[in-house]
Amino acid sequence: MAKALRTKDKIIIAAEKLFSEHGFEQTSLRQITSEAEVNLASVNYHFGSKKALIQAVMARYQSVFMPALAEQLHQLQNSGTDQVRTEDVLACVMPPLIALRQVRADGPVIYLRLLGYAYSEIQGHLRKFTMTNYGEIMHEFFQMIQQANPSVCPNTLFWRLHFSLGAMLFAQTSGQALREIAAADFGEETQAEESLLKLLPFVAAGISAAEPEA
């Protein structure tokens, strides 16, 4: 049994590395088995399909991120604040992202890269997987965004939230380059978490902007 568990973990770690570097579509099972130094039969035995393996890789992060997000949202709901602000809701994402370091040291970056590929490559099965397992948490997050923006219609919020996700993906995956430029041009030394904190007011303002005239 111990050997089987080690093999399964090796496959997940190898798949995670390759998926985050090349994307889901551009990574083949043969590449994964070569990286993990296992045979294809092992992948089929433990996961059954490439989609199931992708979901297992994402589950490593979501099993940490989603409960932590639920806890942050719960704390905000019970904070006694009369009017929840968009920035307050978005800030709930920060501690769960940092918690991904429990998975691996660069967990926040890896997870956001995987999310980026999930959207850019239209991995619909991942959305279904996420909503099946964490739909209530996602629904609660969106409800609180709506609560903070009662004058913005839900479909507009849908677009703005996904535009915001794109900005967050860019800020995190390009964070090192941005921090080096800031240091060179402005003498500003910035940590990874600080760059996301700088992003929050910008994203919140975009989400809460008045509806454009028809």
C-alpha atoms as a PDB file:
ATOM      1  CA  MET A   1       0.000   0.000   0.000  1.00  0.00           C
ATOM      2  CA  ALA A   2       2.800   2.428   0.907  1.00  0.00           C
ATOM      3  CA  LYS A   3       4.429   1.863  -2.481  1.00  0.00           C
ATOM      4  CA  ALA A   4       1.116   2.564  -4.247  1.00  0.00           C
ATOM      5  CA  LEU A   5       0.691   5.815  -2.337  1.00  0.00           C
ATOM      6  CA  ARG A   6       4.202   6.911  -3.212  1.00  0.00           C
ATOM      7  CA  THR A   7       3.542   6.198  -6.880  1.00  0.00           C
ATOM      8  CA  LYS A   8       0.288   8.190  -6.822  1.00  0.00           C
ATOM      9  CA  ASP A   9       1.998  11.147  -5.158  1.00  0.00           C
ATOM     10  CA  LYS A  10       4.856  11.046  -7.678  1.00  0.00           C
ATOM     11  CA  ILE A  11       2.352  11.219 -10.527  1.00  0.00           C
ATOM     12  CA  ILE A  12       0.479  14.164  -9.002  1.00  0.00           C
ATOM     13  CA  ILE A  13       3.663  16.120  -8.289  1.00  0.00           C
ATOM     14  CA  ALA A  14       5.017  15.497 -11.790  1.00  0.00           C
ATOM     15  CA  ALA A  15       1.685  16.440 -13.377  1.00  0.00           C
ATOM     16  CA  GLU A  16       1.439  19.591 -11.264  1.00  0.00           C
ATOM     17  CA  LYS A  17       4.906  20.697 -12.336  1.00  0.00           C
ATOM     18  CA  LEU A  18       4.267  20.128 -16.043  1.00  0.00           C
ATOM     19  CA  PHE A  19       0.724  21.504 -16.032  1.00  0.00           C
ATOM     20  CA  SER A  20       1.869  24.728 -14.351  1.00  0.00           C
ATOM     21  CA  GLU A  21       4.727  25.130 -16.842  1.00  0.00           C
ATOM     22  CA  HIS A  22       3.052  24.128 -20.111  1.00  0.00           C
ATOM     23  CA  GLY A  23      -0.684  23.993 -19.502  1.00  0.00           C
ATOM     24  CA  PHE A  24      -3.084  21.083 -19.476  1.00  0.00           C
ATOM     25  CA  GLU A  25      -3.515  20.652 -23.225  1.00  0.00           C
ATOM     26  CA  GLN A  26       0.194  20.830 -24.052  1.00  0.00           C
ATOM     27  CA  THR A  27       1.165  18.276 -21.409  1.00  0.00           C
ATOM     28  CA  SER A  28       0.795  14.640 -22.419  1.00  0.00           C
ATOM     29  CA  LEU A  29       0.428  11.630 -20.152  1.00  0.00           C
ATOM     30  CA  ARG A  30       3.661  10.320 -21.652  1.00  0.00           C
ATOM     31  CA  GLN A  31       5.495  13.447 -20.467  1.00  0.00           C
ATOM     32  CA  ILE A  32       4.001  13.016 -17.011  1.00  0.00           C
ATOM     33  CA  THR A  33       4.972   9.361 -16.740  1.00  0.00           C
ATOM     34  CA  SER A  34       8.492  10.202 -17.890  1.00  0.00           C
ATOM     35  CA  GLU A  35       8.788  12.998 -15.295  1.00  0.00           C
ATOM     36  CA  ALA A  36       7.379  10.764 -12.547  1.00  0.00           C
ATOM     37  CA  GLU A  37       9.400   7.743 -13.699  1.00  0.00           C
ATOM     38  CA  VAL A  38       6.345   5.492 -13.740  1.00  0.00           C
ATOM     39  CA  ASN A  39       4.502   3.634 -16.489  1.00  0.00           C
ATOM     40  CA  LEU A  40       1.245   4.611 -18.126  1.00  0.00           C
ATOM     41  CA  ALA A  41      -0.570   1.745 -16.434  1.00  0.00           C
ATOM     42  CA  SER A  42       0.115   3.437 -13.065  1.00  0.00           C
ATOM     43  CA  VAL A  43      -1.657   6.613 -14.203  1.00  0.00           C
ATOM     44  CA  ASN A  44      -4.623   4.642 -15.480  1.00  0.00           C
ATOM     45  CA  TYR A  45      -4.766   2.617 -12.272  1.00  0.00           C
ATOM     46  CA  HIS A  46      -4.684   5.574  -9.888  1.00  0.00           C
ATOM     47  CA  PHE A  47      -6.641   8.146 -11.894  1.00  0.00           C
ATOM     48  CA  GLY A  48      -8.320   6.490 -14.855  1.00  0.00           C
ATOM     49  CA  SER A  49      -8.040   9.486 -17.177  1.00  0.00           C
ATOM     50  CA  LYS A  50      -6.139  12.699 -17.792  1.00  0.00           C
ATOM     51  CA  LYS A  51      -9.175  14.756 -16.714  1.00  0.00           C
ATOM     52  CA  ALA A  52      -9.287  12.938 -13.392  1.00  0.00           C
ATOM     53  CA  LEU A  53      -5.566  13.596 -12.929  1.00  0.00           C
ATOM     54  CA  ILE A  54      -6.070  17.313 -13.645  1.00  0.00           C
ATOM     55  CA  GLN A  55      -8.837  17.387 -11.055  1.00  0.00           C
ATOM     56  CA  ALA A  56      -6.627  15.612  -8.522  1.00  0.00           C
ATOM     57  CA  VAL A  57      -3.895  18.219  -9.028  1.00  0.00           C
ATOM     58  CA  MET A  58      -6.369  21.080  -8.529  1.00  0.00           C
ATOM     59  CA  ALA A  59      -7.927  19.326  -5.530  1.00  0.00           C
ATOM     60  CA  ARG A  60      -4.594  19.514  -3.680  1.00  0.00           C
ATOM     61  CA  TYR A  61      -4.939  23.297  -3.703  1.00  0.00           C
ATOM     62  CA  GLN A  62      -8.688  23.675  -3.494  1.00  0.00           C
ATOM     63  CA  SER A  63      -8.889  21.452  -0.421  1.00  0.00           C
ATOM     64  CA  VAL A  64      -6.801  24.090   1.366  1.00  0.00           C
ATOM     65  CA  PHE A  65      -7.982  27.254  -0.408  1.00  0.00           C
ATOM     66  CA  MET A  66     -11.759  26.759  -0.347  1.00  0.00           C
ATOM     67  CA  PRO A  67     -12.256  25.985   3.376  1.00  0.00           C
ATOM     68  CA  ALA A  68      -9.960  28.906   4.226  1.00  0.00           C
ATOM     69  CA  LEU A  69     -12.022  31.173   1.951  1.00  0.00           C
ATOM     70  CA  ALA A  70     -15.240  29.976   3.585  1.00  0.00           C
ATOM     71  CA  GLU A  71     -13.802  30.862   6.992  1.00  0.00           C
ATOM     72  CA  GLN A  72     -12.793  34.354   5.845  1.00  0.00           C
ATOM     73  CA  LEU A  73     -16.248  34.997   4.362  1.00  0.00           C
ATOM     74  CA  HIS A  74     -17.877  33.773   7.575  1.00  0.00           C
ATOM     75  CA  GLN A  75     -15.747  36.149   9.634  1.00  0.00           C
ATOM     76  CA  LEU A  76     -16.665  39.061   7.368  1.00  0.00           C
ATOM     77  CA  GLN A  77     -20.372  38.225   7.562  1.00  0.00           C
ATOM     78  CA  ASN A  78     -20.204  38.202  11.340  1.00  0.00           C
ATOM     79  CA  SER A  79     -18.021  41.267  11.721  1.00  0.00           C
ATOM     80  CA  GLY A  80     -20.997  43.520  12.436  1.00  0.00           C
ATOM     81  CA  THR A  81     -20.169  45.774   9.488  1.00  0.00           C
ATOM     82  CA  ASP A  82     -23.295  47.579   8.248  1.00  0.00           C
ATOM     83  CA  GLN A  83     -22.150  47.826   4.635  1.00  0.00           C
ATOM     84  CA  VAL A  84     -19.750  45.274   3.225  1.00  0.00           C
ATOM     85  CA  ARG A  85     -17.332  46.813   0.732  1.00  0.00           C
ATOM     86  CA  THR A  86     -16.062  45.138  -2.414  1.00  0.00           C
ATOM     87  CA  GLU A  87     -12.503  45.488  -1.154  1.00  0.00           C
ATOM     88  CA  ASP A  88     -13.442  43.696   2.081  1.00  0.00           C
ATOM     89  CA  VAL A  89     -14.804  40.713   0.137  1.00  0.00           C
ATOM     90  CA  LEU A  90     -11.788  40.573  -2.170  1.00  0.00           C
ATOM     91  CA  ALA A  91      -9.456  40.734   0.825  1.00  0.00           C
ATOM     92  CA  CYS A  92     -10.970  37.433   1.978  1.00  0.00           C
ATOM     93  CA  VAL A  93      -9.009  35.771  -0.836  1.00  0.00           C
ATOM     94  CA  MET A  94      -5.601  36.798   0.485  1.00  0.00           C
ATOM     95  CA  PRO A  95      -5.200  34.535   3.561  1.00  0.00           C
ATOM     96  CA  PRO A  96      -6.406  31.445   1.627  1.00  0.00           C
ATOM     97  CA  LEU A  97      -3.860  32.171  -1.101  1.00  0.00           C
ATOM     98  CA  ILE A  98      -1.070  32.479   1.447  1.00  0.00           C
ATOM     99  CA  ALA A  99      -2.290  29.240   3.077  1.00  0.00           C
ATOM    100  CA  LEU A 100      -1.413  27.429  -0.150  1.00  0.00           C
ATOM    101  CA  ARG A 101       2.182  27.500   1.032  1.00  0.00           C
ATOM    102  CA  GLN A 102       1.101  24.489   3.092  1.00  0.00           C
ATOM    103  CA  VAL A 103       0.943  22.600  -0.207  1.00  0.00           C
ATOM    104  CA  ARG A 104       4.310  23.885  -1.434  1.00  0.00           C
ATOM    105  CA  ALA A 105       6.423  27.000  -0.913  1.00  0.00           C
ATOM    106  CA  ASP A 106       5.320  28.600  -4.181  1.00  0.00           C
ATOM    107  CA  GLY A 107       1.781  27.264  -3.893  1.00  0.00           C
ATOM    108  CA  PRO A 108       0.010  30.615  -4.496  1.00  0.00           C
ATOM    109  CA  VAL A 109       1.829  31.139  -7.807  1.00  0.00           C
ATOM    110  CA  ILE A 110       1.311  27.545  -8.955  1.00  0.00           C
ATOM    111  CA  TYR A 111      -2.405  27.599  -8.137  1.00  0.00           C
ATOM    112  CA  LEU A 112      -2.986  30.851  -9.999  1.00  0.00           C
ATOM    113  CA  ARG A 113      -1.067  29.546 -13.007  1.00  0.00           C
ATOM    114  CA  LEU A 114      -3.232  26.428 -13.019  1.00  0.00           C
ATOM    115  CA  LEU A 115      -6.353  28.599 -12.769  1.00  0.00           C
ATOM    116  CA  GLY A 116      -5.139  30.650 -15.702  1.00  0.00           C
ATOM    117  CA  TYR A 117      -4.723  27.547 -17.845  1.00  0.00           C
ATOM    118  CA  ALA A 118      -8.109  26.265 -16.693  1.00  0.00           C
ATOM    119  CA  TYR A 119      -9.757  29.360 -18.174  1.00  0.00           C
ATOM    120  CA  SER A 120      -7.572  29.936 -21.215  1.00  0.00           C
ATOM    121  CA  GLU A 121      -7.854  26.310 -22.315  1.00  0.00           C
ATOM    122  CA  ILE A 122     -11.576  26.060 -21.470  1.00  0.00           C
ATOM    123  CA  GLN A 123     -11.315  23.108 -19.094  1.00  0.00           C
ATOM    124  CA  GLY A 124     -15.061  22.861 -18.488  1.00  0.00           C
ATOM    125  CA  HIS A 125     -14.721  19.692 -16.423  1.00  0.00           C
ATOM    126  CA  LEU A 126     -12.726  21.672 -13.834  1.00  0.00           C
ATOM    127  CA  ARG A 127     -15.558  24.167 -13.394  1.00  0.00           C
ATOM    128  CA  LYS A 128     -17.983  21.284 -12.911  1.00  0.00           C
ATOM    129  CA  PHE A 129     -15.592  19.631 -10.456  1.00  0.00           C
ATOM    130  CA  THR A 130     -15.161  22.854  -8.482  1.00  0.00           C
ATOM    131  CA  MET A 131     -18.864  23.675  -8.368  1.00  0.00           C
ATOM    132  CA  THR A 132     -19.751  20.113  -7.356  1.00  0.00           C
ATOM    133  CA  ASN A 133     -17.344  20.210  -4.418  1.00  0.00           C
ATOM    134  CA  TYR A 134     -17.282  23.892  -3.481  1.00  0.00           C
ATOM    135  CA  GLY A 135     -20.308  25.444  -5.182  1.00  0.00           C
ATOM    136  CA  GLU A 136     -21.767  26.757  -1.916  1.00  0.00           C
ATOM    137  CA  ILE A 137     -18.586  28.663  -1.120  1.00  0.00           C
ATOM    138  CA  MET A 138     -18.393  30.143  -4.627  1.00  0.00           C
ATOM    139  CA  HIS A 139     -22.066  31.111  -4.446  1.00  0.00           C
ATOM    140  CA  GLU A 140     -21.535  32.783  -1.069  1.00  0.00           C
ATOM    141  CA  PHE A 141     -18.573  34.764  -2.417  1.00  0.00           C
ATOM    142  CA  PHE A 142     -20.609  36.011  -5.388  1.00  0.00           C
ATOM    143  CA  GLN A 143     -23.558  36.862  -3.136  1.00  0.00           C
ATOM    144  CA  MET A 144     -21.323  39.011  -0.958  1.00  0.00           C
ATOM    145  CA  ILE A 145     -19.944  40.780  -4.028  1.00  0.00           C
ATOM    146  CA  GLN A 146     -23.548  41.470  -5.063  1.00  0.00           C
ATOM    147  CA  GLN A 147     -24.354  42.683  -1.557  1.00  0.00           C
ATOM    148  CA  ALA A 148     -21.469  45.152  -1.790  1.00  0.00           C
ATOM    149  CA  ASN A 149     -22.662  46.335  -5.224  1.00  0.00           C
ATOM    150  CA  PRO A 150     -26.468  46.426  -5.197  1.00  0.00           C
ATOM    151  CA  SER A 151     -26.620  48.862  -8.137  1.00  0.00           C
ATOM    152  CA  VAL A 152     -24.565  46.632 -10.463  1.00  0.00           C
ATOM    153  CA  CYS A 153     -26.441  43.861 -12.255  1.00  0.00           C
ATOM    154  CA  PRO A 154     -25.287  40.236 -11.750  1.00  0.00           C
ATOM    155  CA  ASN A 155     -24.146  39.647 -15.341  1.00  0.00           C
ATOM    156  CA  THR A 156     -21.958  42.772 -15.208  1.00  0.00           C
ATOM    157  CA  LEU A 157     -20.471  41.522 -11.938  1.00  0.00           C
ATOM    158  CA  PHE A 158     -19.793  38.165 -13.598  1.00  0.00           C
ATOM    159  CA  TRP A 159     -17.661  39.816 -16.289  1.00  0.00           C
ATOM    160  CA  ARG A 160     -15.914  42.136 -13.858  1.00  0.00           C
ATOM    161  CA  LEU A 161     -15.012  39.335 -11.463  1.00  0.00           C
ATOM    162  CA  HIS A 162     -13.418  37.353 -14.261  1.00  0.00           C
ATOM    163  CA  PHE A 163     -11.568  40.421 -15.529  1.00  0.00           C
ATOM    164  CA  SER A 164     -10.345  40.828 -11.948  1.00  0.00           C
ATOM    165  CA  LEU A 165      -9.184  37.223 -11.869  1.00  0.00           C
ATOM    166  CA  GLY A 166      -7.179  37.924 -15.012  1.00  0.00           C
ATOM    167  CA  ALA A 167      -5.519  40.909 -13.333  1.00  0.00           C
ATOM    168  CA  MET A 168      -4.714  38.796 -10.272  1.00  0.00           C
ATOM    169  CA  LEU A 169      -3.237  36.058 -12.436  1.00  0.00           C
ATOM    170  CA  PHE A 170      -1.025  38.578 -14.199  1.00  0.00           C
ATOM    171  CA  ALA A 171       0.073  40.252 -10.961  1.00  0.00           C
ATOM    172  CA  GLN A 172       1.040  36.931  -9.397  1.00  0.00           C
ATOM    173  CA  THR A 173       2.623  35.130 -12.332  1.00  0.00           C
ATOM    174  CA  SER A 174       4.498  38.269 -13.454  1.00  0.00           C
ATOM    175  CA  GLY A 175       5.108  39.437  -9.906  1.00  0.00           C
ATOM    176  CA  GLN A 176       8.857  38.863  -9.844  1.00  0.00           C
ATOM    177  CA  ALA A 177       9.414  40.946 -12.974  1.00  0.00           C
ATOM    178  CA  LEU A 178       7.145  43.720 -11.676  1.00  0.00           C
ATOM    179  CA  ARG A 179       8.952  43.807  -8.324  1.00  0.00           C
ATOM    180  CA  GLU A 180      12.331  44.013 -10.065  1.00  0.00           C
ATOM    181  CA  ILE A 181      11.123  46.934 -12.219  1.00  0.00           C
ATOM    182  CA  ALA A 182       9.720  48.718  -9.150  1.00  0.00           C
ATOM    183  CA  ALA A 183      13.041  48.249  -7.370  1.00  0.00           C
ATOM    184  CA  ALA A 184      15.055  49.514 -10.351  1.00  0.00           C
ATOM    185  CA  ASP A 185      12.837  52.492 -11.240  1.00  0.00           C
ATOM    186  CA  PHE A 186      11.566  53.587  -7.824  1.00  0.00           C
ATOM    187  CA  GLY A 187      13.869  51.947  -5.295  1.00  0.00           C
ATOM    188  CA  GLU A 188      10.853  50.118  -3.910  1.00  0.00           C
ATOM    189  CA  GLU A 189      11.416  46.703  -2.374  1.00  0.00           C
ATOM    190  CA  THR A 190       8.127  44.789  -2.494  1.00  0.00           C
ATOM    191  CA  GLN A 191       7.217  41.316  -1.270  1.00  0.00           C
ATOM    192  CA  ALA A 192       4.908  39.005  -3.218  1.00  0.00           C
ATOM    193  CA  GLU A 193       1.959  39.550  -0.866  1.00  0.00           C
ATOM    194  CA  GLU A 194       2.357  43.324  -1.086  1.00  0.00           C
ATOM    195  CA  SER A 195       1.874  43.309  -4.862  1.00  0.00           C
ATOM    196  CA  LEU A 196      -1.518  41.662  -4.451  1.00  0.00           C
ATOM    197  CA  LEU A 197      -2.439  44.123  -1.711  1.00  0.00           C
ATOM    198  CA  LYS A 198      -1.617  46.938  -4.137  1.00  0.00           C
ATOM    199  CA  LEU A 199      -3.934  45.294  -6.665  1.00  0.00           C
ATOM    200  CA  LEU A 200      -6.992  45.074  -4.395  1.00  0.00           C
ATOM    201  CA  PRO A 201      -8.087  48.763  -4.480  1.00  0.00           C
ATOM    202  CA  PHE A 202      -7.653  48.833  -8.268  1.00  0.00           C
ATOM    203  CA  VAL A 203      -9.715  45.692  -8.794  1.00  0.00           C
ATOM    204  CA  ALA A 204     -12.361  46.740  -6.251  1.00  0.00           C
ATOM    205  CA  ALA A 205     -12.825  50.070  -8.025  1.00  0.00           C
ATOM    206  CA  GLY A 206     -13.312  48.287 -11.350  1.00  0.00           C
ATOM    207  CA  ILE A 207     -15.886  45.889  -9.940  1.00  0.00           C
ATOM    208  CA  SER A 208     -17.826  48.675  -8.214  1.00  0.00           C
ATOM    209  CA  ALA A 209     -17.744  51.185 -11.085  1.00  0.00           C
ATOM    210  CA  ALA A 210     -21.100  52.604 -12.157  1.00  0.00           C
ATOM    211  CA  GLU A 211     -22.905  50.754 -14.925  1.00  0.00           C
ATOM    212  CA  PRO A 212     -22.100  52.302 -18.315  1.00  0.00           C
ATOM    213  CA  GLU A 213     -24.868  54.097 -20.157  1.00  0.00           C
ATOM    214  CA  ALA A 214     -26.690  51.913 -22.669  1.00  0.00           C
END
